[in-house]
Amino acid sequence: MTWEYLGYVASALLVTSLAMSDVVKLRWFNLAGCIAFTAYGVAIAAWPVALTNALLSVVNIYHLHKLAQAKRHSAG
């Protein structure tokens, strides 16, 4: 496997995330794409790509946590 394929998979995940109407699904697909791009960036030593996507992963995790809290709060 070449690292280029991982870049294509990461791109597909990000594009798919933007097609989602459900915000939770959007965040999960975007998180998966960001993690894949982080791995891709590290693998090819593209540090700006790795750093940016690692930070975006943290942003997605934060928003997923807030969405889960809001769901628990409204259910209870």
N, C-alpha and C. Protein backbone atom coordinates (compact mmCIF):
# COMPACT_ATOMS: atom_id res chain seq x y z
N MET A 1 0.85 -1.19 0.00
CA MET A 1 0.00 0.00 0.00
C MET A 1 0.89 1.24 0.00
N THR A 2 0.58 2.16 -0.86
CA THR A 2 1.30 3.43 -0.82
C THR A 2 0.50 4.39 0.05
N TRP A 3 1.19 5.37 0.59
CA TRP A 3 0.54 6.33 1.49
C TRP A 3 -0.47 7.19 0.74
N GLU A 4 -0.31 7.27 -0.57
CA GLU A 4 -1.23 8.06 -1.37
C GLU A 4 -2.67 7.57 -1.21
N TYR A 5 -2.85 6.26 -1.10
CA TYR A 5 -4.20 5.72 -0.93
C TYR A 5 -4.83 6.18 0.37
N LEU A 6 -4.03 6.28 1.42
CA LEU A 6 -4.55 6.78 2.69
C LEU A 6 -5.03 8.23 2.53
N GLY A 7 -4.30 9.00 1.75
CA GLY A 7 -4.72 10.38 1.47
C GLY A 7 -6.06 10.41 0.73
N TYR A 8 -6.24 9.51 -0.21
CA TYR A 8 -7.52 9.44 -0.93
C TYR A 8 -8.67 9.03 -0.02
N VAL A 9 -8.43 8.07 0.85
CA VAL A 9 -9.45 7.63 1.81
C VAL A 9 -9.81 8.78 2.74
N ALA A 10 -8.79 9.49 3.24
CA ALA A 10 -9.03 10.63 4.12
C ALA A 10 -9.87 11.69 3.40
N SER A 11 -9.53 11.97 2.16
CA SER A 11 -10.29 12.95 1.38
C SER A 11 -11.73 12.52 1.19
N ALA A 12 -11.94 11.24 0.90
CA ALA A 12 -13.30 10.72 0.71
C ALA A 12 -14.11 10.85 1.99
N LEU A 13 -13.48 10.58 3.13
CA LEU A 13 -14.19 10.71 4.41
C LEU A 13 -14.59 12.16 4.68
N LEU A 14 -13.70 13.10 4.38
CA LEU A 14 -14.02 14.50 4.59
C LEU A 14 -15.13 14.97 3.67
N VAL A 15 -15.08 14.57 2.41
CA VAL A 15 -16.14 14.94 1.47
C VAL A 15 -17.47 14.33 1.90
N THR A 16 -17.44 13.07 2.31
CA THR A 16 -18.65 12.40 2.79
C THR A 16 -19.22 13.12 4.01
N SER A 17 -18.35 13.57 4.90
CA SER A 17 -18.82 14.25 6.11
C SER A 17 -19.61 15.50 5.75
N LEU A 18 -19.17 16.21 4.73
CA LEU A 18 -19.84 17.45 4.35
C LEU A 18 -21.17 17.21 3.65
N ALA A 19 -21.43 15.97 3.26
CA ALA A 19 -22.71 15.63 2.64
C ALA A 19 -23.75 15.23 3.68
N MET A 20 -23.36 15.10 4.93
CA MET A 20 -24.27 14.66 5.99
C MET A 20 -25.18 15.80 6.45
N SER A 21 -26.44 15.47 6.66
CA SER A 21 -27.36 16.47 7.22
C SER A 21 -27.43 16.34 8.75
N ASP A 22 -27.09 15.18 9.27
CA ASP A 22 -27.05 14.94 10.72
C ASP A 22 -25.69 15.39 11.24
N VAL A 23 -25.70 16.35 12.16
CA VAL A 23 -24.46 16.94 12.66
C VAL A 23 -23.59 15.90 13.36
N VAL A 24 -24.18 14.97 14.07
CA VAL A 24 -23.38 13.95 14.76
C VAL A 24 -22.65 13.08 13.74
N LYS A 25 -23.35 12.64 12.70
CA LYS A 25 -22.70 11.85 11.65
C LYS A 25 -21.62 12.66 10.96
N LEU A 26 -21.92 13.93 10.70
CA LEU A 26 -20.92 14.80 10.08
C LEU A 26 -19.65 14.82 10.92
N ARG A 27 -19.79 15.02 12.23
CA ARG A 27 -18.62 15.09 13.12
C ARG A 27 -17.85 13.77 13.14
N TRP A 28 -18.56 12.62 13.16
CA TRP A 28 -17.87 11.33 13.19
C TRP A 28 -17.09 11.07 11.91
N PHE A 29 -17.72 11.34 10.75
CA PHE A 29 -17.02 11.14 9.49
C PHE A 29 -15.86 12.11 9.36
N ASN A 30 -16.07 13.36 9.80
CA ASN A 30 -15.01 14.34 9.73
C ASN A 30 -13.86 13.95 10.65
N LEU A 31 -14.18 13.44 11.83
CA LEU A 31 -13.15 12.98 12.75
C LEU A 31 -12.35 11.84 12.12
N ALA A 32 -13.02 10.89 11.51
CA ALA A 32 -12.32 9.78 10.86
C ALA A 32 -11.41 10.30 9.75
N GLY A 33 -11.89 11.25 8.96
CA GLY A 33 -11.07 11.83 7.91
C GLY A 33 -9.87 12.57 8.47
N CYS A 34 -10.07 13.32 9.54
CA CYS A 34 -8.96 14.06 10.16
C CYS A 34 -7.91 13.11 10.75
N ILE A 35 -8.37 12.03 11.36
CA ILE A 35 -7.42 11.05 11.89
C ILE A 35 -6.62 10.41 10.75
N ALA A 36 -7.33 10.08 9.67
CA ALA A 36 -6.64 9.49 8.51
C ALA A 36 -5.64 10.48 7.92
N PHE A 37 -6.03 11.75 7.82
CA PHE A 37 -5.11 12.76 7.29
C PHE A 37 -3.94 13.01 8.23
N THR A 38 -4.17 12.90 9.53
CA THR A 38 -3.07 13.03 10.48
C THR A 38 -2.06 11.91 10.26
N ALA A 39 -2.55 10.69 10.14
CA ALA A 39 -1.66 9.55 9.88
C ALA A 39 -0.94 9.72 8.55
N TYR A 40 -1.65 10.17 7.55
CA TYR A 40 -1.05 10.42 6.23
C TYR A 40 0.05 11.47 6.32
N GLY A 41 -0.24 12.57 7.01
CA GLY A 41 0.74 13.63 7.15
C GLY A 41 1.99 13.17 7.87
N VAL A 42 1.81 12.38 8.92
CA VAL A 42 2.96 11.83 9.64
C VAL A 42 3.75 10.88 8.73
N ALA A 43 3.02 10.03 8.00
CA ALA A 43 3.69 9.03 7.15
C ALA A 43 4.55 9.66 6.07
N ILE A 44 4.10 10.79 5.53
CA ILE A 44 4.88 11.42 4.46
C ILE A 44 5.68 12.63 4.96
N ALA A 45 5.70 12.80 6.29
CA ALA A 45 6.43 13.91 6.93
C ALA A 45 5.93 15.28 6.46
N ALA A 46 4.63 15.39 6.26
CA ALA A 46 3.99 16.66 5.92
C ALA A 46 3.42 17.22 7.23
N TRP A 47 4.26 17.85 8.00
CA TRP A 47 3.90 18.25 9.35
C TRP A 47 2.76 19.26 9.41
N PRO A 48 2.63 20.20 8.49
CA PRO A 48 1.46 21.08 8.55
C PRO A 48 0.15 20.32 8.37
N VAL A 49 0.15 19.33 7.50
CA VAL A 49 -1.05 18.50 7.29
C VAL A 49 -1.35 17.71 8.56
N ALA A 50 -0.34 17.11 9.15
CA ALA A 50 -0.53 16.31 10.36
C ALA A 50 -1.01 17.17 11.52
N LEU A 51 -0.38 18.31 11.73
CA LEU A 51 -0.74 19.18 12.85
C LEU A 51 -2.14 19.76 12.69
N THR A 52 -2.44 20.26 11.52
CA THR A 52 -3.77 20.84 11.29
C THR A 52 -4.87 19.81 11.53
N ASN A 53 -4.69 18.63 10.99
CA ASN A 53 -5.73 17.61 11.13
C ASN A 53 -5.79 17.04 12.54
N ALA A 54 -4.67 16.99 13.23
CA ALA A 54 -4.70 16.57 14.64
C ALA A 54 -5.51 17.59 15.46
N LEU A 55 -5.28 18.87 15.21
CA LEU A 55 -6.05 19.90 15.91
C LEU A 55 -7.54 19.84 15.55
N LEU A 56 -7.83 19.61 14.28
CA LEU A 56 -9.24 19.47 13.87
C LEU A 56 -9.88 18.24 14.49
N SER A 57 -9.11 17.19 14.73
CA SER A 57 -9.63 16.01 15.42
C SER A 57 -10.06 16.37 16.83
N VAL A 58 -9.25 17.17 17.51
CA VAL A 58 -9.59 17.62 18.86
C VAL A 58 -10.87 18.46 18.83
N VAL A 59 -11.01 19.32 17.83
CA VAL A 59 -12.22 20.14 17.70
C VAL A 59 -13.44 19.24 17.50
N ASN A 60 -13.32 18.23 16.64
CA ASN A 60 -14.43 17.30 16.42
C ASN A 60 -14.79 16.54 17.70
N ILE A 61 -13.79 16.08 18.43
CA ILE A 61 -14.04 15.36 19.69
C ILE A 61 -14.75 16.27 20.68
N TYR A 62 -14.31 17.52 20.76
CA TYR A 62 -14.95 18.49 21.66
C TYR A 62 -16.44 18.65 21.31
N HIS A 63 -16.72 18.85 20.02
CA HIS A 63 -18.12 19.04 19.61
C HIS A 63 -18.95 17.77 19.78
N LEU A 64 -18.36 16.61 19.54
CA LEU A 64 -19.09 15.36 19.78
C LEU A 64 -19.41 15.21 21.27
N HIS A 65 -18.47 15.59 22.12
CA HIS A 65 -18.71 15.54 23.57
C HIS A 65 -19.84 16.49 23.96
N LYS A 66 -19.83 17.70 23.43
CA LYS A 66 -20.88 18.67 23.73
C LYS A 66 -22.24 18.19 23.22
N LEU A 67 -22.27 17.59 22.05
CA LEU A 67 -23.53 17.07 21.50
C LEU A 67 -24.06 15.93 22.37
N ALA A 68 -23.16 15.06 22.85
CA ALA A 68 -23.58 13.95 23.71
C ALA A 68 -24.10 14.48 25.04
N GLN A 69 -23.45 15.49 25.59
CA GLN A 69 -23.93 16.11 26.84
C GLN A 69 -25.31 16.71 26.67
N ALA A 70 -25.51 17.42 25.56
CA ALA A 70 -26.80 18.05 25.30
C ALA A 70 -27.90 16.99 25.15
N LYS A 71 -27.56 15.88 24.52
CA LYS A 71 -28.54 14.80 24.35
C LYS A 71 -28.89 14.19 25.72
N ARG A 72 -27.87 13.97 26.55
CA ARG A 72 -28.13 13.42 27.90
C ARG A 72 -28.95 14.40 28.73
N HIS A 73 -28.65 15.67 28.62
CA HIS A 73 -29.35 16.70 29.39
C HIS A 73 -30.82 16.79 28.99
N SER A 74 -31.09 16.71 27.70
CA SER A 74 -32.47 16.81 27.23
C SER A 74 -33.27 15.53 27.53
N ALA A 75 -32.56 14.39 27.63
CA ALA A 75 -33.25 13.13 27.91
C ALA A 75 -33.53 12.97 29.40
N GLY A 76 -32.76 13.61 30.24
CA GLY A 76 -32.88 13.37 31.67
C GLY A 76 -33.53 14.49 32.35
